[in-house]
Amino acid sequence: MLATPYPLISNDRKLSPAQVLEAHKGQPMIEKRFEQTKTVHEIAPVLLKNEGRIEALFTLYFLALLRPSSSASCALP
């Protein structure tokens, strides 16, 4: 079976073709993480009044989403 070629285009002219391909291979993981940031997560409410603590909580939450986990490696249907 022959593989069908398809073009990969980048607006970063500094990248070599191999680097563009490598970046493209990571796209599914990036899209999965982006989907997770838009998903409603069922967690207990946290009541914070201090703006700095709210920002710190969101920073930690964001960093937790970036961390690879066993649930992120589940097989897709």
PDB file of N, CA and C in Angstrom:
ATOM      1  N   MET A   1       0.850  -1.172   0.000  1.00  0.00           N
ATOM      2  CA  MET A   1       0.000   0.000   0.000  1.00  0.00           C
ATOM      3  C   MET A   1       0.895   1.234   0.000  1.00  0.00           C
ATOM      4  N   LEU A   2       0.617   2.154  -0.882  1.00  0.00           N
ATOM      5  CA  LEU A   2       1.403   3.378  -0.975  1.00  0.00           C
ATOM      6  C   LEU A   2       0.834   4.457  -0.060  1.00  0.00           C
ATOM      7  N   ALA A   3       1.709   5.187   0.565  1.00  0.00           N
ATOM      8  CA  ALA A   3       1.284   6.292   1.417  1.00  0.00           C
ATOM      9  C   ALA A   3       0.923   7.484   0.540  1.00  0.00           C
ATOM     10  N   THR A   4      -0.143   8.162   0.911  1.00  0.00           N
ATOM     11  CA  THR A   4      -0.561   9.345   0.172  1.00  0.00           C
ATOM     12  C   THR A   4       0.144  10.564   0.750  1.00  0.00           C
ATOM     13  N   PRO A   5       0.892  11.292  -0.053  1.00  0.00           N
ATOM     14  CA  PRO A   5       1.572  12.489   0.461  1.00  0.00           C
ATOM     15  C   PRO A   5       0.585  13.641   0.658  1.00  0.00           C
ATOM     16  N   TYR A   6       0.874  14.472   1.622  1.00  0.00           N
ATOM     17  CA  TYR A   6       0.084  15.689   1.819  1.00  0.00           C
ATOM     18  C   TYR A   6       1.027  16.792   2.270  1.00  0.00           C
ATOM     19  N   PRO A   7       0.707  18.014   1.901  1.00  0.00           N
ATOM     20  CA  PRO A   7       1.621  19.117   2.223  1.00  0.00           C
ATOM     21  C   PRO A   7       1.476  19.579   3.673  1.00  0.00           C
ATOM     22  N   LEU A   8       2.592  19.936   4.270  1.00  0.00           N
ATOM     23  CA  LEU A   8       2.611  20.595   5.574  1.00  0.00           C
ATOM     24  C   LEU A   8       3.176  21.986   5.343  1.00  0.00           C
ATOM     25  N   ILE A   9       2.422  22.984   5.734  1.00  0.00           N
ATOM     26  CA  ILE A   9       2.831  24.363   5.508  1.00  0.00           C
ATOM     27  C   ILE A   9       2.982  25.056   6.856  1.00  0.00           C
ATOM     28  N   SER A  10       4.023  25.846   6.988  1.00  0.00           N
ATOM     29  CA  SER A  10       4.265  26.604   8.214  1.00  0.00           C
ATOM     30  C   SER A  10       4.552  28.054   7.856  1.00  0.00           C
ATOM     31  N   ASN A  11       4.137  28.952   8.734  1.00  0.00           N
ATOM     32  CA  ASN A  11       4.449  30.360   8.508  1.00  0.00           C
ATOM     33  C   ASN A  11       5.784  30.751   9.144  1.00  0.00           C
ATOM     34  N   ASP A  12       6.446  29.792   9.795  1.00  0.00           N
ATOM     35  CA  ASP A  12       7.759  30.039  10.381  1.00  0.00           C
ATOM     36  C   ASP A  12       8.822  29.565   9.391  1.00  0.00           C
ATOM     37  N   ARG A  13       9.423  30.480   8.680  1.00  0.00           N
ATOM     38  CA  ARG A  13      10.376  30.129   7.633  1.00  0.00           C
ATOM     39  C   ARG A  13      11.711  29.633   8.190  1.00  0.00           C
ATOM     40  N   LYS A  14      11.918  29.748   9.496  1.00  0.00           N
ATOM     41  CA  LYS A  14      13.164  29.294  10.106  1.00  0.00           C
ATOM     42  C   LYS A  14      13.167  27.780  10.332  1.00  0.00           C
ATOM     43  N   LEU A  15      11.991  27.154  10.299  1.00  0.00           N
ATOM     44  CA  LEU A  15      11.897  25.718  10.559  1.00  0.00           C
ATOM     45  C   LEU A  15      12.277  24.914   9.323  1.00  0.00           C
ATOM     46  N   SER A  16      13.003  23.845   9.557  1.00  0.00           N
ATOM     47  CA  SER A  16      13.334  22.924   8.470  1.00  0.00           C
ATOM     48  C   SER A  16      12.109  22.030   8.219  1.00  0.00           C
ATOM     49  N   PRO A  17      12.053  21.355   7.091  1.00  0.00           N
ATOM     50  CA  PRO A  17      10.933  20.432   6.853  1.00  0.00           C
ATOM     51  C   PRO A  17      10.797  19.368   7.949  1.00  0.00           C
ATOM     52  N   ALA A  18      11.922  18.880   8.467  1.00  0.00           N
ATOM     53  CA  ALA A  18      11.870  17.885   9.546  1.00  0.00           C
ATOM     54  C   ALA A  18      11.263  18.483  10.816  1.00  0.00           C
ATOM     55  N   GLN A  19      11.579  19.744  11.114  1.00  0.00           N
ATOM     56  CA  GLN A  19      11.024  20.393  12.302  1.00  0.00           C
ATOM     57  C   GLN A  19       9.520  20.642  12.148  1.00  0.00           C
ATOM     58  N   VAL A  20       9.084  20.988  10.951  1.00  0.00           N
ATOM     59  CA  VAL A  20       7.652  21.178  10.704  1.00  0.00           C
ATOM     60  C   VAL A  20       6.916  19.857  10.910  1.00  0.00           C
ATOM     61  N   LEU A  21       7.477  18.771  10.403  1.00  0.00           N
ATOM     62  CA  LEU A  21       6.871  17.457  10.580  1.00  0.00           C
ATOM     63  C   LEU A  21       6.828  17.068  12.056  1.00  0.00           C
ATOM     64  N   GLU A  22       7.899  17.327  12.781  1.00  0.00           N
ATOM     65  CA  GLU A  22       7.944  17.004  14.218  1.00  0.00           C
ATOM     66  C   GLU A  22       6.890  17.801  14.984  1.00  0.00           C
ATOM     67  N   ALA A  23       6.735  19.068  14.658  1.00  0.00           N
ATOM     68  CA  ALA A  23       5.714  19.897  15.317  1.00  0.00           C
ATOM     69  C   ALA A  23       4.315  19.373  14.993  1.00  0.00           C
ATOM     70  N   HIS A  24       4.123  18.929  13.762  1.00  0.00           N
ATOM     71  CA  HIS A  24       2.816  18.406  13.343  1.00  0.00           C
ATOM     72  C   HIS A  24       2.464  17.128  14.106  1.00  0.00           C
ATOM     73  N   LYS A  25       3.458  16.306  14.401  1.00  0.00           N
ATOM     74  CA  LYS A  25       3.210  15.057  15.127  1.00  0.00           C
ATOM     75  C   LYS A  25       2.704  15.318  16.539  1.00  0.00           C
ATOM     76  N   GLY A  26       3.047  16.462  17.136  1.00  0.00           N
ATOM     77  CA  GLY A  26       2.586  16.800  18.481  1.00  0.00           C
ATOM     78  C   GLY A  26       1.234  17.473  18.513  1.00  0.00           C
ATOM     79  N   GLN A  27       0.662  17.742  17.359  1.00  0.00           N
ATOM     80  CA  GLN A  27      -0.602  18.467  17.302  1.00  0.00           C
ATOM     81  C   GLN A  27      -1.761  17.751  18.006  1.00  0.00           C
ATOM     82  N   PRO A  28      -1.943  16.436  17.875  1.00  0.00           N
ATOM     83  CA  PRO A  28      -3.061  15.793  18.577  1.00  0.00           C
ATOM     84  C   PRO A  28      -3.019  15.992  20.094  1.00  0.00           C
ATOM     85  N   MET A  29      -1.825  15.948  20.695  1.00  0.00           N
ATOM     86  CA  MET A  29      -1.717  16.152  22.139  1.00  0.00           C
ATOM     87  C   MET A  29      -2.104  17.580  22.510  1.00  0.00           C
ATOM     88  N   ILE A  30      -1.665  18.549  21.708  1.00  0.00           N
ATOM     89  CA  ILE A  30      -1.994  19.944  21.972  1.00  0.00           C
ATOM     90  C   ILE A  30      -3.502  20.157  21.868  1.00  0.00           C
ATOM     91  N   GLU A  31      -4.117  19.577  20.842  1.00  0.00           N
ATOM     92  CA  GLU A  31      -5.557  19.735  20.674  1.00  0.00           C
ATOM     93  C   GLU A  31      -6.326  19.074  21.805  1.00  0.00           C
ATOM     94  N   LYS A  32      -5.844  17.931  22.309  1.00  0.00           N
ATOM     95  CA  LYS A  32      -6.494  17.258  23.435  1.00  0.00           C
ATOM     96  C   LYS A  32      -6.422  18.130  24.686  1.00  0.00           C
ATOM     97  N   ARG A  33      -5.265  18.738  24.941  1.00  0.00           N
ATOM     98  CA  ARG A  33      -5.121  19.615  26.101  1.00  0.00           C
ATOM     99  C   ARG A  33      -6.020  20.849  25.967  1.00  0.00           C
ATOM    100  N   PHE A  34      -6.129  21.393  24.760  1.00  0.00           N
ATOM    101  CA  PHE A  34      -6.984  22.548  24.549  1.00  0.00           C
ATOM    102  C   PHE A  34      -8.443  22.175  24.799  1.00  0.00           C
ATOM    103  N   GLU A  35      -8.833  20.974  24.364  1.00  0.00           N
ATOM    104  CA  GLU A  35     -10.193  20.496  24.607  1.00  0.00           C
ATOM    105  C   GLU A  35     -10.459  20.383  26.108  1.00  0.00           C
ATOM    106  N   GLN A  36      -9.459  19.909  26.852  1.00  0.00           N
ATOM    107  CA  GLN A  36      -9.622  19.756  28.295  1.00  0.00           C
ATOM    108  C   GLN A  36      -9.794  21.097  28.986  1.00  0.00           C
ATOM    109  N   THR A  37      -9.161  22.155  28.468  1.00  0.00           N
ATOM    110  CA  THR A  37      -9.320  23.468  29.101  1.00  0.00           C
ATOM    111  C   THR A  37     -10.715  24.021  28.875  1.00  0.00           C
ATOM    112  N   LYS A  38     -11.398  23.560  27.823  1.00  0.00           N
ATOM    113  CA  LYS A  38     -12.742  24.040  27.535  1.00  0.00           C
ATOM    114  C   LYS A  38     -13.818  23.167  28.177  1.00  0.00           C
ATOM    115  N   THR A  39     -13.438  22.024  28.745  1.00  0.00           N
ATOM    116  CA  THR A  39     -14.382  21.084  29.325  1.00  0.00           C
ATOM    117  C   THR A  39     -14.771  21.520  30.735  1.00  0.00           C
ATOM    118  N   VAL A  40     -16.020  21.263  31.074  1.00  0.00           N
ATOM    119  CA  VAL A  40     -16.480  21.539  32.433  1.00  0.00           C
ATOM    120  C   VAL A  40     -16.006  20.401  33.328  1.00  0.00           C
ATOM    121  N   HIS A  41     -15.255  20.744  34.358  1.00  0.00           N
ATOM    122  CA  HIS A  41     -14.755  19.742  35.297  1.00  0.00           C
ATOM    123  C   HIS A  41     -15.576  19.816  36.573  1.00  0.00           C
ATOM    124  N   GLU A  42     -16.002  18.670  37.038  1.00  0.00           N
ATOM    125  CA  GLU A  42     -16.796  18.611  38.251  1.00  0.00           C
ATOM    126  C   GLU A  42     -15.852  18.588  39.454  1.00  0.00           C
ATOM    127  N   ILE A  43     -15.719  19.725  40.092  1.00  0.00           N
ATOM    128  CA  ILE A  43     -14.877  19.836  41.284  1.00  0.00           C
ATOM    129  C   ILE A  43     -15.652  20.594  42.346  1.00  0.00           C
ATOM    130  N   ALA A  44     -15.213  20.463  43.566  1.00  0.00           N
ATOM    131  CA  ALA A  44     -15.859  21.174  44.662  1.00  0.00           C
ATOM    132  C   ALA A  44     -15.606  22.670  44.516  1.00  0.00           C
ATOM    133  N   PRO A  45     -16.597  23.490  44.843  1.00  0.00           N
ATOM    134  CA  PRO A  45     -16.401  24.937  44.726  1.00  0.00           C
ATOM    135  C   PRO A  45     -15.316  25.435  45.683  1.00  0.00           C
ATOM    136  N   VAL A  46     -14.553  26.386  45.235  1.00  0.00           N
ATOM    137  CA  VAL A  46     -13.512  27.000  46.045  1.00  0.00           C
ATOM    138  C   VAL A  46     -13.833  28.480  46.159  1.00  0.00           C
ATOM    139  N   LEU A  47     -13.978  28.952  47.376  1.00  0.00           N
ATOM    140  CA  LEU A  47     -14.324  30.352  47.588  1.00  0.00           C
ATOM    141  C   LEU A  47     -13.069  31.129  47.966  1.00  0.00           C
ATOM    142  N   LEU A  48     -12.605  31.932  47.043  1.00  0.00           N
ATOM    143  CA  LEU A  48     -11.421  32.749  47.264  1.00  0.00           C
ATOM    144  C   LEU A  48     -11.793  34.218  47.080  1.00  0.00           C
ATOM    145  N   LYS A  49     -11.309  35.055  47.965  1.00  0.00           N
ATOM    146  CA  LYS A  49     -11.593  36.488  47.870  1.00  0.00           C
ATOM    147  C   LYS A  49     -10.380  37.277  47.411  1.00  0.00           C
ATOM    148  N   ASN A  50      -9.198  36.766  47.694  1.00  0.00           N
ATOM    149  CA  ASN A  50      -7.964  37.452  47.342  1.00  0.00           C
ATOM    150  C   ASN A  50      -7.639  37.200  45.870  1.00  0.00           C
ATOM    151  N   GLU A  51      -7.472  38.266  45.092  1.00  0.00           N
ATOM    152  CA  GLU A  51      -7.220  38.145  43.660  1.00  0.00           C
ATOM    153  C   GLU A  51      -5.941  37.358  43.362  1.00  0.00           C
ATOM    154  N   GLY A  52      -4.926  37.526  44.170  1.00  0.00           N
ATOM    155  CA  GLY A  52      -3.675  36.792  43.983  1.00  0.00           C
ATOM    156  C   GLY A  52      -3.856  35.297  44.155  1.00  0.00           C
ATOM    157  N   ARG A  53      -4.679  34.900  45.119  1.00  0.00           N
ATOM    158  CA  ARG A  53      -4.923  33.472  45.342  1.00  0.00           C
ATOM    159  C   ARG A  53      -5.757  32.865  44.210  1.00  0.00           C
ATOM    160  N   ILE A  54      -6.689  33.642  43.678  1.00  0.00           N
ATOM    161  CA  ILE A  54      -7.477  33.168  42.538  1.00  0.00           C
ATOM    162  C   ILE A  54      -6.559  32.926  41.344  1.00  0.00           C
ATOM    163  N   GLU A  55      -5.678  33.886  41.081  1.00  0.00           N
ATOM    164  CA  GLU A  55      -4.732  33.752  39.974  1.00  0.00           C
ATOM    165  C   GLU A  55      -3.809  32.549  40.196  1.00  0.00           C
ATOM    166  N   ALA A  56      -3.356  32.350  41.427  1.00  0.00           N
ATOM    167  CA  ALA A  56      -2.474  31.211  41.731  1.00  0.00           C
ATOM    168  C   ALA A  56      -3.207  29.889  41.517  1.00  0.00           C
ATOM    169  N   LEU A  57      -4.484  29.830  41.910  1.00  0.00           N
ATOM    170  CA  LEU A  57      -5.256  28.607  41.730  1.00  0.00           C
ATOM    171  C   LEU A  57      -5.414  28.281  40.247  1.00  0.00           C
ATOM    172  N   PHE A  58      -5.725  29.283  39.436  1.00  0.00           N
ATOM    173  CA  PHE A  58      -5.862  29.041  38.001  1.00  0.00           C
ATOM    174  C   PHE A  58      -4.529  28.659  37.362  1.00  0.00           C
ATOM    175  N   THR A  59      -3.449  29.225  37.850  1.00  0.00           N
ATOM    176  CA  THR A  59      -2.132  28.856  37.331  1.00  0.00           C
ATOM    177  C   THR A  59      -1.833  27.388  37.629  1.00  0.00           C
ATOM    178  N   LEU A  60      -2.092  26.967  38.850  1.00  0.00           N
ATOM    179  CA  LEU A  60      -1.879  25.564  39.214  1.00  0.00           C
ATOM    180  C   LEU A  60      -2.784  24.632  38.418  1.00  0.00           C
ATOM    181  N   TYR A  61      -4.026  25.048  38.219  1.00  0.00           N
ATOM    182  CA  TYR A  61      -4.967  24.245  37.450  1.00  0.00           C
ATOM    183  C   TYR A  61      -4.475  24.094  36.009  1.00  0.00           C
ATOM    184  N   PHE A  62      -4.006  25.187  35.428  1.00  0.00           N
ATOM    185  CA  PHE A  62      -3.477  25.161  34.065  1.00  0.00           C
ATOM    186  C   PHE A  62      -2.248  24.259  33.974  1.00  0.00           C
ATOM    187  N   LEU A  63      -1.332  24.369  34.930  1.00  0.00           N
ATOM    188  CA  LEU A  63      -0.134  23.529  34.931  1.00  0.00           C
ATOM    189  C   LEU A  63      -0.487  22.052  35.083  1.00  0.00           C
ATOM    190  N   ALA A  64      -1.513  21.765  35.867  1.00  0.00           N
ATOM    191  CA  ALA A  64      -1.948  20.378  36.031  1.00  0.00           C
ATOM    192  C   ALA A  64      -2.476  19.817  34.721  1.00  0.00           C
ATOM    193  N   LEU A  65      -3.144  20.656  33.929  1.00  0.00           N
ATOM    194  CA  LEU A  65      -3.646  20.204  32.631  1.00  0.00           C
ATOM    195  C   LEU A  65      -2.516  19.946  31.641  1.00  0.00           C
ATOM    196  N   LEU A  66      -1.400  20.642  31.790  1.00  0.00           N
ATOM    197  CA  LEU A  66      -0.269  20.455  30.889  1.00  0.00           C
ATOM    198  C   LEU A  66       0.500  19.172  31.189  1.00  0.00           C
ATOM    199  N   ARG A  67       0.405  18.702  32.408  1.00  0.00           N
ATOM    200  CA  ARG A  67       1.149  17.512  32.832  1.00  0.00           C
ATOM    201  C   ARG A  67       0.556  16.272  32.182  1.00  0.00           C
ATOM    202  N   PRO A  68       1.390  15.483  31.515  1.00  0.00           N
ATOM    203  CA  PRO A  68       0.878  14.235  30.931  1.00  0.00           C
ATOM    204  C   PRO A  68       0.377  13.307  32.035  1.00  0.00           C
ATOM    205  N   SER A  69      -0.739  12.680  31.798  1.00  0.00           N
ATOM    206  CA  SER A  69      -1.279  11.772  32.788  1.00  0.00           C
ATOM    207  C   SER A  69      -1.728  10.493  32.107  1.00  0.00           C
ATOM    208  N   SER A  70      -2.020   9.482  32.904  1.00  0.00           N
ATOM    209  CA  SER A  70      -2.453   8.210  32.325  1.00  0.00           C
ATOM    210  C   SER A  70      -3.798   8.359  31.639  1.00  0.00           C
ATOM    211  N   SER A  71      -4.657   9.286  32.097  1.00  0.00           N
ATOM    212  CA  SER A  71      -5.953   9.460  31.454  1.00  0.00           C
ATOM    213  C   SER A  71      -5.821  10.090  30.074  1.00  0.00           C
ATOM    214  N   ALA A  72      -4.743  10.844  29.833  1.00  0.00           N
ATOM    215  CA  ALA A  72      -4.540  11.480  28.540  1.00  0.00           C
ATOM    216  C   ALA A  72      -4.089  10.470  27.493  1.00  0.00           C
ATOM    217  N   SER A  73      -3.603   9.321  27.920  1.00  0.00           N
ATOM    218  CA  SER A  73      -3.107   8.338  26.969  1.00  0.00           C
ATOM    219  C   SER A  73      -4.142   7.257  26.664  1.00  0.00           C
ATOM    220  N   CYS A  74      -5.396   7.488  27.030  1.00  0.00           N
ATOM    221  CA  CYS A  74      -6.448   6.519  26.731  1.00  0.00           C
ATOM    222  C   CYS A  74      -6.623   6.392  25.229  1.00  0.00           C
ATOM    223  N   ALA A  75      -6.940   5.204  24.806  1.00  0.00           N
ATOM    224  CA  ALA A  75      -7.132   4.964  23.370  1.00  0.00           C
ATOM    225  C   ALA A  75      -8.397   5.658  22.905  1.00  0.00           C
ATOM    226  N   LEU A  76      -8.306   6.306  21.767  1.00  0.00           N
ATOM    227  CA  LEU A  76      -9.474   6.961  21.173  1.00  0.00           C
ATOM    228  C   LEU A  76     -10.277   5.920  20.389  1.00  0.00           C
ATOM    229  N   PRO A  77     -11.609   6.064  20.355  1.00  0.00           N
ATOM    230  CA  PRO A  77     -12.436   5.088  19.624  1.00  0.00           C
ATOM    231  C   PRO A  77     -12.170   5.135  18.141  1.00  0.00           C
TER     232      PRO A  77
END
